[in-house]
All heavy atoms as atom14 arrays in JSON, in Angstrom:
{
  "sequence": "IDICDHGPGFPDAVLKNGGHTSFPAHESGSGIGLMLTSTAIQQLGGQ",
  "atom14_mask": [
    [1, 1, 1, 1, 1, 1, 1, 1, 0, 0, 0, 0, 0, 0],
    [1, 1, 1, 1, 1, 1, 1, 1, 0, 0, 0, 0, 0, 0],
    [1, 1, 1, 1, 1, 1, 1, 1, 0, 0, 0, 0, 0, 0],
    [1, 1, 1, 1, 1, 1, 0, 0, 0, 0, 0, 0, 0, 0],
    [1, 1, 1, 1, 1, 1, 1, 1, 0, 0, 0, 0, 0, 0],
    [1, 1, 1, 1, 1, 1, 1, 1, 1, 1, 0, 0, 0, 0],
    [1, 1, 1, 1, 0, 0, 0, 0, 0, 0, 0, 0, 0, 0],
    [1, 1, 1, 1, 1, 1, 1, 0, 0, 0, 0, 0, 0, 0],
    [1, 1, 1, 1, 0, 0, 0, 0, 0, 0, 0, 0, 0, 0],
    [1, 1, 1, 1, 1, 1, 1, 1, 1, 1, 1, 0, 0, 0],
    [1, 1, 1, 1, 1, 1, 1, 0, 0, 0, 0, 0, 0, 0],
    [1, 1, 1, 1, 1, 1, 1, 1, 0, 0, 0, 0, 0, 0],
    [1, 1, 1, 1, 1, 0, 0, 0, 0, 0, 0, 0, 0, 0],
    [1, 1, 1, 1, 1, 1, 1, 0, 0, 0, 0, 0, 0, 0],
    [1, 1, 1, 1, 1, 1, 1, 1, 0, 0, 0, 0, 0, 0],
    [1, 1, 1, 1, 1, 1, 1, 1, 1, 0, 0, 0, 0, 0],
    [1, 1, 1, 1, 1, 1, 1, 1, 0, 0, 0, 0, 0, 0],
    [1, 1, 1, 1, 0, 0, 0, 0, 0, 0, 0, 0, 0, 0],
    [1, 1, 1, 1, 0, 0, 0, 0, 0, 0, 0, 0, 0, 0],
    [1, 1, 1, 1, 1, 1, 1, 1, 1, 1, 0, 0, 0, 0],
    [1, 1, 1, 1, 1, 1, 1, 0, 0, 0, 0, 0, 0, 0],
    [1, 1, 1, 1, 1, 1, 0, 0, 0, 0, 0, 0, 0, 0],
    [1, 1, 1, 1, 1, 1, 1, 1, 1, 1, 1, 0, 0, 0],
    [1, 1, 1, 1, 1, 1, 1, 0, 0, 0, 0, 0, 0, 0],
    [1, 1, 1, 1, 1, 0, 0, 0, 0, 0, 0, 0, 0, 0],
    [1, 1, 1, 1, 1, 1, 1, 1, 1, 1, 0, 0, 0, 0],
    [1, 1, 1, 1, 1, 1, 1, 1, 1, 0, 0, 0, 0, 0],
    [1, 1, 1, 1, 1, 1, 0, 0, 0, 0, 0, 0, 0, 0],
    [1, 1, 1, 1, 0, 0, 0, 0, 0, 0, 0, 0, 0, 0],
    [1, 1, 1, 1, 1, 1, 0, 0, 0, 0, 0, 0, 0, 0],
    [1, 1, 1, 1, 0, 0, 0, 0, 0, 0, 0, 0, 0, 0],
    [1, 1, 1, 1, 1, 1, 1, 1, 0, 0, 0, 0, 0, 0],
    [1, 1, 1, 1, 0, 0, 0, 0, 0, 0, 0, 0, 0, 0],
    [1, 1, 1, 1, 1, 1, 1, 1, 0, 0, 0, 0, 0, 0],
    [1, 1, 1, 1, 1, 1, 1, 1, 0, 0, 0, 0, 0, 0],
    [1, 1, 1, 1, 1, 1, 1, 1, 0, 0, 0, 0, 0, 0],
    [1, 1, 1, 1, 1, 1, 1, 0, 0, 0, 0, 0, 0, 0],
    [1, 1, 1, 1, 1, 1, 0, 0, 0, 0, 0, 0, 0, 0],
    [1, 1, 1, 1, 1, 1, 1, 0, 0, 0, 0, 0, 0, 0],
    [1, 1, 1, 1, 1, 0, 0, 0, 0, 0, 0, 0, 0, 0],
    [1, 1, 1, 1, 1, 1, 1, 1, 0, 0, 0, 0, 0, 0],
    [1, 1, 1, 1, 1, 1, 1, 1, 1, 0, 0, 0, 0, 0],
    [1, 1, 1, 1, 1, 1, 1, 1, 1, 0, 0, 0, 0, 0],
    [1, 1, 1, 1, 1, 1, 1, 1, 0, 0, 0, 0, 0, 0],
    [1, 1, 1, 1, 0, 0, 0, 0, 0, 0, 0, 0, 0, 0],
    [1, 1, 1, 1, 0, 0, 0, 0, 0, 0, 0, 0, 0, 0],
    [1, 1, 1, 1, 1, 1, 1, 1, 1, 0, 0, 0, 0, 0]
  ],
  "atom14_positions": [
    [[19.53, 3.97, 12.99], [18.47, 3.01, 12.94], [18.6, 2.13, 11.69], [18.61, 2.64, 10.57], [17.1, 3.75, 12.91], [16.89, 4.67, 14.11], [15.97, 2.66, 12.9], [15.66, 5.5, 14.07], [0.0, 0.0, 0.0], [0.0, 0.0, 0.0], [0.0, 0.0, 0.0], [0.0, 0.0, 0.0], [0.0, 0.0, 0.0], [0.0, 0.0, 0.0]],
    [[18.89, 0.86, 11.9], [19.05, -0.13, 10.84], [17.8, -0.98, 10.72], [17.27, -1.48, 11.69], [20.24, -1.04, 11.06], [21.57, -0.26, 10.98], [21.56, 0.82, 10.4], [22.58, -0.75, 11.42], [0.0, 0.0, 0.0], [0.0, 0.0, 0.0], [0.0, 0.0, 0.0], [0.0, 0.0, 0.0], [0.0, 0.0, 0.0], [0.0, 0.0, 0.0]],
    [[17.32, -1.12, 9.47], [16.18, -2.0, 9.2], [16.66, -3.03, 8.22], [17.01, -2.74, 7.09], [14.99, -1.27, 8.65], [14.53, -0.21, 9.67], [13.87, -2.18, 8.31], [13.43, 0.71, 9.24], [0.0, 0.0, 0.0], [0.0, 0.0, 0.0], [0.0, 0.0, 0.0], [0.0, 0.0, 0.0], [0.0, 0.0, 0.0], [0.0, 0.0, 0.0]],
    [[16.73, -4.33, 8.66], [17.28, -5.44, 7.84], [16.11, -6.34, 7.47], [15.32, -6.72, 8.43], [18.34, -6.09, 8.5], [19.7, -5.08, 9.12], [0.0, 0.0, 0.0], [0.0, 0.0, 0.0], [0.0, 0.0, 0.0], [0.0, 0.0, 0.0], [0.0, 0.0, 0.0], [0.0, 0.0, 0.0], [0.0, 0.0, 0.0], [0.0, 0.0, 0.0]],
    [[16.05, -6.8, 6.25], [15.07, -7.88, 5.9], [15.87, -9.05, 5.33], [17.1, -8.95, 5.13], [14.06, -7.35, 4.88], [14.69, -6.87, 3.55], [15.39, -7.72, 2.94], [14.43, -5.76, 3.12], [0.0, 0.0, 0.0], [0.0, 0.0, 0.0], [0.0, 0.0, 0.0], [0.0, 0.0, 0.0], [0.0, 0.0, 0.0], [0.0, 0.0, 0.0]],
    [[15.2, -10.16, 5.08], [15.78, -11.37, 4.57], [15.32, -11.65, 3.15], [15.24, -12.86, 2.75], [15.48, -12.52, 5.52], [15.95, -12.29, 6.94], [17.27, -12.54, 7.31], [15.3, -11.85, 8.01], [17.41, -12.19, 8.6], [16.21, -11.81, 9.04], [0.0, 0.0, 0.0], [0.0, 0.0, 0.0], [0.0, 0.0, 0.0], [0.0, 0.0, 0.0]],
    [[15.02, -10.63, 2.39], [14.54, -10.82, 1.0], [15.69, -10.92, 0.04], [16.88, -11.14, 0.4], [0.0, 0.0, 0.0], [0.0, 0.0, 0.0], [0.0, 0.0, 0.0], [0.0, 0.0, 0.0], [0.0, 0.0, 0.0], [0.0, 0.0, 0.0], [0.0, 0.0, 0.0], [0.0, 0.0, 0.0], [0.0, 0.0, 0.0], [0.0, 0.0, 0.0]],
    [[15.38, -10.67, -1.27], [16.4, -10.81, -2.3], [17.32, -9.64, -2.32], [18.3, -9.63, -3.09], [15.55, -10.86, -3.61], [14.33, -10.09, -3.2], [14.04, -10.43, -1.79], [0.0, 0.0, 0.0], [0.0, 0.0, 0.0], [0.0, 0.0, 0.0], [0.0, 0.0, 0.0], [0.0, 0.0, 0.0], [0.0, 0.0, 0.0], [0.0, 0.0, 0.0]],
    [[17.15, -8.55, -1.57], [18.05, -7.41, -1.59], [17.52, -6.36, -2.56], [16.61, -6.58, -3.4], [0.0, 0.0, 0.0], [0.0, 0.0, 0.0], [0.0, 0.0, 0.0], [0.0, 0.0, 0.0], [0.0, 0.0, 0.0], [0.0, 0.0, 0.0], [0.0, 0.0, 0.0], [0.0, 0.0, 0.0], [0.0, 0.0, 0.0], [0.0, 0.0, 0.0]],
    [[18.21, -5.2, -2.56], [17.79, -4.09, -3.42], [18.32, -4.36, -4.84], [19.46, -4.75, -5.01], [18.37, -2.76, -2.89], [17.79, -2.27, -1.68], [18.52, -2.22, -0.48], [16.44, -1.88, -1.6], [17.95, -1.76, 0.75], [15.85, -1.49, -0.39], [16.65, -1.42, 0.72], [0.0, 0.0, 0.0], [0.0, 0.0, 0.0], [0.0, 0.0, 0.0]],
    [[17.53, -4.08, -5.86], [18.04, -4.06, -7.24], [19.12, -3.02, -7.43], [19.2, -2.05, -6.64], [16.86, -3.82, -8.1], [15.64, -4.13, -7.27], [16.12, -3.83, -5.85], [0.0, 0.0, 0.0], [0.0, 0.0, 0.0], [0.0, 0.0, 0.0], [0.0, 0.0, 0.0], [0.0, 0.0, 0.0], [0.0, 0.0, 0.0], [0.0, 0.0, 0.0]],
    [[19.97, -3.2, -8.49], [21.0, -2.25, -8.71], [20.49, -0.84, -8.96], [21.09, 0.17, -8.53], [21.86, -2.65, -9.93], [22.65, -3.98, -9.56], [22.89, -4.23, -8.39], [23.02, -4.66, -10.58], [0.0, 0.0, 0.0], [0.0, 0.0, 0.0], [0.0, 0.0, 0.0], [0.0, 0.0, 0.0], [0.0, 0.0, 0.0], [0.0, 0.0, 0.0]],
    [[19.37, -0.69, -9.65], [18.81, 0.57, -9.95], [18.41, 1.29, -8.64], [18.54, 2.5, -8.53], [17.56, 0.39, -10.86], [0.0, 0.0, 0.0], [0.0, 0.0, 0.0], [0.0, 0.0, 0.0], [0.0, 0.0, 0.0], [0.0, 0.0, 0.0], [0.0, 0.0, 0.0], [0.0, 0.0, 0.0], [0.0, 0.0, 0.0], [0.0, 0.0, 0.0]],
    [[17.88, 0.56, -7.67], [17.54, 1.16, -6.39], [18.72, 1.62, -5.62], [18.74, 2.65, -5.02], [16.61, 0.21, -5.59], [16.3, 0.76, -4.19], [15.33, -0.11, -6.32], [0.0, 0.0, 0.0], [0.0, 0.0, 0.0], [0.0, 0.0, 0.0], [0.0, 0.0, 0.0], [0.0, 0.0, 0.0], [0.0, 0.0, 0.0], [0.0, 0.0, 0.0]],
    [[19.78, 0.78, -5.65], [21.03, 1.12, -4.94], [21.64, 2.42, -5.58], [22.28, 3.17, -4.87], [21.99, 0.04, -4.96], [21.65, -1.27, -4.16], [22.68, -2.34, -4.4], [21.53, -0.91, -2.66], [0.0, 0.0, 0.0], [0.0, 0.0, 0.0], [0.0, 0.0, 0.0], [0.0, 0.0, 0.0], [0.0, 0.0, 0.0], [0.0, 0.0, 0.0]],
    [[21.49, 2.53, -6.82], [22.09, 3.67, -7.49], [21.25, 4.98, -7.39], [21.76, 5.99, -7.15], [22.35, 3.37, -9.0], [22.99, 4.46, -9.8], [23.18, 4.02, -11.23], [23.92, 5.19, -11.99], [24.08, 4.7, -13.45], [0.0, 0.0, 0.0], [0.0, 0.0, 0.0], [0.0, 0.0, 0.0], [0.0, 0.0, 0.0], [0.0, 0.0, 0.0]],
    [[19.93, 4.87, -7.51], [19.09, 6.04, -7.62], [18.01, 6.08, -6.53], [17.25, 7.03, -6.54], [18.34, 6.07, -9.02], [19.38, 6.21, -10.17], [20.28, 7.01, -10.12], [19.09, 5.34, -11.21], [0.0, 0.0, 0.0], [0.0, 0.0, 0.0], [0.0, 0.0, 0.0], [0.0, 0.0, 0.0], [0.0, 0.0, 0.0], [0.0, 0.0, 0.0]],
    [[18.01, 5.09, -5.67], [17.05, 5.09, -4.55], [17.09, 6.37, -3.69], [18.15, 6.7, -3.25], [0.0, 0.0, 0.0], [0.0, 0.0, 0.0], [0.0, 0.0, 0.0], [0.0, 0.0, 0.0], [0.0, 0.0, 0.0], [0.0, 0.0, 0.0], [0.0, 0.0, 0.0], [0.0, 0.0, 0.0], [0.0, 0.0, 0.0], [0.0, 0.0, 0.0]],
    [[15.97, 7.03, -3.52], [15.92, 8.29, -2.73], [16.08, 9.5, -3.58], [15.77, 10.64, -3.1], [0.0, 0.0, 0.0], [0.0, 0.0, 0.0], [0.0, 0.0, 0.0], [0.0, 0.0, 0.0], [0.0, 0.0, 0.0], [0.0, 0.0, 0.0], [0.0, 0.0, 0.0], [0.0, 0.0, 0.0], [0.0, 0.0, 0.0], [0.0, 0.0, 0.0]],
    [[16.51, 9.37, -4.85], [16.73, 10.54, -5.73], [15.68, 10.65, -6.81], [15.54, 11.69, -7.37], [18.18, 10.48, -6.36], [19.3, 10.41, -5.3], [19.64, 11.47, -4.57], [20.08, 9.37, -4.91], [20.63, 11.13, -3.76], [20.91, 9.88, -3.98], [0.0, 0.0, 0.0], [0.0, 0.0, 0.0], [0.0, 0.0, 0.0], [0.0, 0.0, 0.0]],
    [[15.02, 9.54, -7.07], [14.0, 9.61, -8.11], [12.92, 8.61, -7.82], [13.15, 7.67, -7.01], [14.65, 9.27, -9.51], [13.66, 9.43, -10.54], [15.19, 7.88, -9.52], [0.0, 0.0, 0.0], [0.0, 0.0, 0.0], [0.0, 0.0, 0.0], [0.0, 0.0, 0.0], [0.0, 0.0, 0.0], [0.0, 0.0, 0.0], [0.0, 0.0, 0.0]],
    [[11.78, 8.7, -8.47], [10.75, 7.75, -8.28], [10.89, 6.6, -9.3], [11.52, 6.74, -10.28], [9.35, 8.44, -8.43], [9.25, 8.97, -9.73], [0.0, 0.0, 0.0], [0.0, 0.0, 0.0], [0.0, 0.0, 0.0], [0.0, 0.0, 0.0], [0.0, 0.0, 0.0], [0.0, 0.0, 0.0], [0.0, 0.0, 0.0], [0.0, 0.0, 0.0]],
    [[10.28, 5.48, -8.96], [10.3, 4.32, -9.74], [8.9, 3.99, -10.24], [7.94, 4.44, -9.69], [10.89, 3.07, -9.08], [12.32, 3.26, -8.65], [12.63, 3.77, -7.32], [13.35, 2.98, -9.54], [13.98, 3.95, -7.03], [14.65, 3.22, -9.15], [14.99, 3.67, -7.93], [0.0, 0.0, 0.0], [0.0, 0.0, 0.0], [0.0, 0.0, 0.0]],
    [[8.75, 3.17, -11.36], [7.42, 2.83, -11.87], [6.63, 2.09, -10.7], [7.22, 1.4, -9.93], [7.69, 1.9, -13.01], [9.08, 2.27, -13.48], [9.88, 2.63, -12.22], [0.0, 0.0, 0.0], [0.0, 0.0, 0.0], [0.0, 0.0, 0.0], [0.0, 0.0, 0.0], [0.0, 0.0, 0.0], [0.0, 0.0, 0.0], [0.0, 0.0, 0.0]],
    [[5.33, 2.34, -10.72], [4.46, 1.74, -9.79], [4.52, 0.23, -9.94], [4.66, -0.3, -11.02], [3.03, 2.23, -9.92], [0.0, 0.0, 0.0], [0.0, 0.0, 0.0], [0.0, 0.0, 0.0], [0.0, 0.0, 0.0], [0.0, 0.0, 0.0], [0.0, 0.0, 0.0], [0.0, 0.0, 0.0], [0.0, 0.0, 0.0], [0.0, 0.0, 0.0]],
    [[4.42, -0.5, -8.79], [4.5, -1.99, -8.84], [3.35, -2.49, -7.9], [2.69, -1.71, -7.28], [5.86, -2.46, -8.34], [6.38, -1.8, -7.14], [6.04, -2.25, -5.88], [7.15, -0.73, -7.02], [6.59, -1.43, -4.98], [7.3, -0.52, -5.57], [0.0, 0.0, 0.0], [0.0, 0.0, 0.0], [0.0, 0.0, 0.0], [0.0, 0.0, 0.0]],
    [[3.37, -3.83, -7.77], [2.21, -4.41, -7.12], [2.27, -4.12, -5.58], [1.29, -4.2, -4.9], [2.23, -5.93, -7.29], [3.48, -6.64, -6.77], [3.46, -8.1, -7.03], [2.53, -8.57, -7.63], [4.44, -8.72, -6.63], [0.0, 0.0, 0.0], [0.0, 0.0, 0.0], [0.0, 0.0, 0.0], [0.0, 0.0, 0.0], [0.0, 0.0, 0.0]],
    [[3.47, -3.74, -5.07], [3.62, -3.5, -3.64], [3.56, -2.09, -3.31], [3.67, -1.68, -2.06], [4.9, -4.1, -3.1], [4.92, -5.5, -3.34], [0.0, 0.0, 0.0], [0.0, 0.0, 0.0], [0.0, 0.0, 0.0], [0.0, 0.0, 0.0], [0.0, 0.0, 0.0], [0.0, 0.0, 0.0], [0.0, 0.0, 0.0], [0.0, 0.0, 0.0]],
    [[3.5, -1.13, -4.26], [3.49, 0.26, -3.91], [3.54, 1.13, -5.11], [3.47, 0.66, -6.29], [0.0, 0.0, 0.0], [0.0, 0.0, 0.0], [0.0, 0.0, 0.0], [0.0, 0.0, 0.0], [0.0, 0.0, 0.0], [0.0, 0.0, 0.0], [0.0, 0.0, 0.0], [0.0, 0.0, 0.0], [0.0, 0.0, 0.0], [0.0, 0.0, 0.0]],
    [[3.54, 2.45, -4.94], [3.5, 3.41, -6.01], [4.9, 3.76, -6.57], [4.94, 4.49, -7.58], [2.86, 4.7, -5.53], [3.57, 5.24, -4.43], [0.0, 0.0, 0.0], [0.0, 0.0, 0.0], [0.0, 0.0, 0.0], [0.0, 0.0, 0.0], [0.0, 0.0, 0.0], [0.0, 0.0, 0.0], [0.0, 0.0, 0.0], [0.0, 0.0, 0.0]],
    [[5.94, 3.29, -5.97], [7.33, 3.58, -6.48], [7.89, 4.91, -6.02], [8.98, 5.26, -6.44], [0.0, 0.0, 0.0], [0.0, 0.0, 0.0], [0.0, 0.0, 0.0], [0.0, 0.0, 0.0], [0.0, 0.0, 0.0], [0.0, 0.0, 0.0], [0.0, 0.0, 0.0], [0.0, 0.0, 0.0], [0.0, 0.0, 0.0], [0.0, 0.0, 0.0]],
    [[7.3, 5.65, -5.06], [7.83, 6.96, -4.62], [8.18, 6.92, -3.14], [8.65, 7.96, -2.63], [6.78, 8.06, -4.85], [5.46, 7.81, -4.05], [6.49, 8.23, -6.33], [4.51, 8.95, -4.12], [0.0, 0.0, 0.0], [0.0, 0.0, 0.0], [0.0, 0.0, 0.0], [0.0, 0.0, 0.0], [0.0, 0.0, 0.0], [0.0, 0.0, 0.0]],
    [[8.05, 5.72, -2.5], [8.28, 5.68, -1.06], [9.69, 6.04, -0.65], [9.88, 6.81, 0.24], [0.0, 0.0, 0.0], [0.0, 0.0, 0.0], [0.0, 0.0, 0.0], [0.0, 0.0, 0.0], [0.0, 0.0, 0.0], [0.0, 0.0, 0.0], [0.0, 0.0, 0.0], [0.0, 0.0, 0.0], [0.0, 0.0, 0.0], [0.0, 0.0, 0.0]],
    [[10.66, 5.54, -1.39], [12.08, 5.78, -1.03], [12.39, 7.23, -1.23], [13.08, 7.78, -0.44], [12.99, 4.9, -1.88], [13.18, 3.48, -1.4], [14.1, 2.77, -2.36], [13.76, 3.46, 0.0], [0.0, 0.0, 0.0], [0.0, 0.0, 0.0], [0.0, 0.0, 0.0], [0.0, 0.0, 0.0], [0.0, 0.0, 0.0], [0.0, 0.0, 0.0]],
    [[11.85, 7.86, -2.31], [12.12, 9.29, -2.53], [11.51, 10.14, -1.4], [12.14, 11.05, -0.89], [11.57, 9.72, -3.84], [11.95, 11.17, -4.17], [11.44, 11.67, -5.87], [9.63, 11.74, -5.63], [0.0, 0.0, 0.0], [0.0, 0.0, 0.0], [0.0, 0.0, 0.0], [0.0, 0.0, 0.0], [0.0, 0.0, 0.0], [0.0, 0.0, 0.0]],
    [[10.33, 9.76, -0.99], [9.62, 10.54, 0.1], [10.5, 10.33, 1.4], [10.68, 11.25, 2.17], [8.2, 10.04, 0.3], [7.28, 10.32, -0.87], [5.89, 9.71, -0.64], [7.07, 11.83, -1.09], [0.0, 0.0, 0.0], [0.0, 0.0, 0.0], [0.0, 0.0, 0.0], [0.0, 0.0, 0.0], [0.0, 0.0, 0.0], [0.0, 0.0, 0.0]],
    [[10.85, 9.12, 1.62], [11.63, 8.79, 2.87], [12.93, 9.49, 2.89], [13.26, 10.13, 3.91], [11.87, 7.28, 2.94], [10.61, 6.59, 2.95], [12.65, 6.87, 4.17], [0.0, 0.0, 0.0], [0.0, 0.0, 0.0], [0.0, 0.0, 0.0], [0.0, 0.0, 0.0], [0.0, 0.0, 0.0], [0.0, 0.0, 0.0], [0.0, 0.0, 0.0]],
    [[13.68, 9.45, 1.82], [15.04, 10.13, 1.8], [14.87, 11.66, 1.94], [15.62, 12.26, 2.68], [15.7, 9.82, 0.42], [16.94, 10.45, 0.33], [0.0, 0.0, 0.0], [0.0, 0.0, 0.0], [0.0, 0.0, 0.0], [0.0, 0.0, 0.0], [0.0, 0.0, 0.0], [0.0, 0.0, 0.0], [0.0, 0.0, 0.0], [0.0, 0.0, 0.0]],
    [[13.87, 12.23, 1.25], [13.62, 13.63, 1.43], [13.33, 14.05, 2.85], [13.87, 15.07, 3.39], [12.51, 14.12, 0.48], [12.85, 13.78, -0.87], [12.26, 15.61, 0.56], [0.0, 0.0, 0.0], [0.0, 0.0, 0.0], [0.0, 0.0, 0.0], [0.0, 0.0, 0.0], [0.0, 0.0, 0.0], [0.0, 0.0, 0.0], [0.0, 0.0, 0.0]],
    [[12.43, 13.28, 3.5], [12.08, 13.58, 4.84], [13.3, 13.51, 5.82], [13.46, 14.38, 6.68], [10.96, 12.62, 5.35], [0.0, 0.0, 0.0], [0.0, 0.0, 0.0], [0.0, 0.0, 0.0], [0.0, 0.0, 0.0], [0.0, 0.0, 0.0], [0.0, 0.0, 0.0], [0.0, 0.0, 0.0], [0.0, 0.0, 0.0], [0.0, 0.0, 0.0]],
    [[14.15, 12.49, 5.57], [15.3, 12.37, 6.47], [16.3, 13.43, 6.2], [16.87, 13.95, 7.18], [15.89, 10.92, 6.21], [14.91, 9.86, 6.69], [17.3, 10.83, 6.96], [15.38, 8.48, 6.37], [0.0, 0.0, 0.0], [0.0, 0.0, 0.0], [0.0, 0.0, 0.0], [0.0, 0.0, 0.0], [0.0, 0.0, 0.0], [0.0, 0.0, 0.0]],
    [[16.49, 13.84, 4.99], [17.4, 14.92, 4.67], [16.88, 16.25, 5.27], [17.65, 17.05, 5.81], [17.5, 15.11, 3.15], [18.37, 14.02, 2.52], [18.44, 14.14, 1.0], [17.93, 15.08, 0.46], [19.04, 13.12, 0.36], [0.0, 0.0, 0.0], [0.0, 0.0, 0.0], [0.0, 0.0, 0.0], [0.0, 0.0, 0.0], [0.0, 0.0, 0.0]],
    [[15.62, 16.44, 5.3], [15.02, 17.7, 5.89], [15.32, 17.73, 7.38], [15.35, 18.78, 7.94], [13.54, 17.76, 5.58], [13.19, 18.04, 4.12], [11.7, 18.01, 3.9], [10.92, 17.56, 4.69], [11.31, 18.48, 2.67], [0.0, 0.0, 0.0], [0.0, 0.0, 0.0], [0.0, 0.0, 0.0], [0.0, 0.0, 0.0], [0.0, 0.0, 0.0]],
    [[15.44, 16.59, 7.98], [15.7, 16.5, 9.48], [17.2, 16.47, 9.73], [17.65, 16.26, 10.89], [15.06, 15.25, 10.01], [13.56, 15.21, 9.96], [13.0, 13.89, 10.42], [12.92, 16.34, 10.73], [0.0, 0.0, 0.0], [0.0, 0.0, 0.0], [0.0, 0.0, 0.0], [0.0, 0.0, 0.0], [0.0, 0.0, 0.0], [0.0, 0.0, 0.0]],
    [[18.06, 16.68, 8.68], [19.5, 16.75, 8.87], [20.18, 15.38, 8.87], [21.35, 15.26, 9.24], [0.0, 0.0, 0.0], [0.0, 0.0, 0.0], [0.0, 0.0, 0.0], [0.0, 0.0, 0.0], [0.0, 0.0, 0.0], [0.0, 0.0, 0.0], [0.0, 0.0, 0.0], [0.0, 0.0, 0.0], [0.0, 0.0, 0.0], [0.0, 0.0, 0.0]],
    [[19.44, 14.33, 8.45], [20.02, 12.98, 8.44], [20.33, 12.46, 7.05], [20.32, 13.19, 6.08], [0.0, 0.0, 0.0], [0.0, 0.0, 0.0], [0.0, 0.0, 0.0], [0.0, 0.0, 0.0], [0.0, 0.0, 0.0], [0.0, 0.0, 0.0], [0.0, 0.0, 0.0], [0.0, 0.0, 0.0], [0.0, 0.0, 0.0], [0.0, 0.0, 0.0]],
    [[20.59, 11.17, 7.01], [20.97, 10.57, 5.73], [20.43, 9.11, 5.66], [20.44, 8.4, 6.71], [22.49, 10.57, 5.58], [23.0, 9.91, 4.22], [24.52, 10.03, 4.13], [25.19, 10.34, 5.1], [25.04, 9.6, 3.01], [0.0, 0.0, 0.0], [0.0, 0.0, 0.0], [0.0, 0.0, 0.0], [0.0, 0.0, 0.0], [0.0, 0.0, 0.0]]
  ]
}
């Protein structure tokens, strides 16, 4: 399942650590979404 957007792209910090650690809260979210998402997918045997 590919999800593509037309925004500025992921910052380098997200590409390096996204899904492994939380990020500081920002105006669009709490900064833990990617970690929760990655953990859930790994628990289902995915990546």
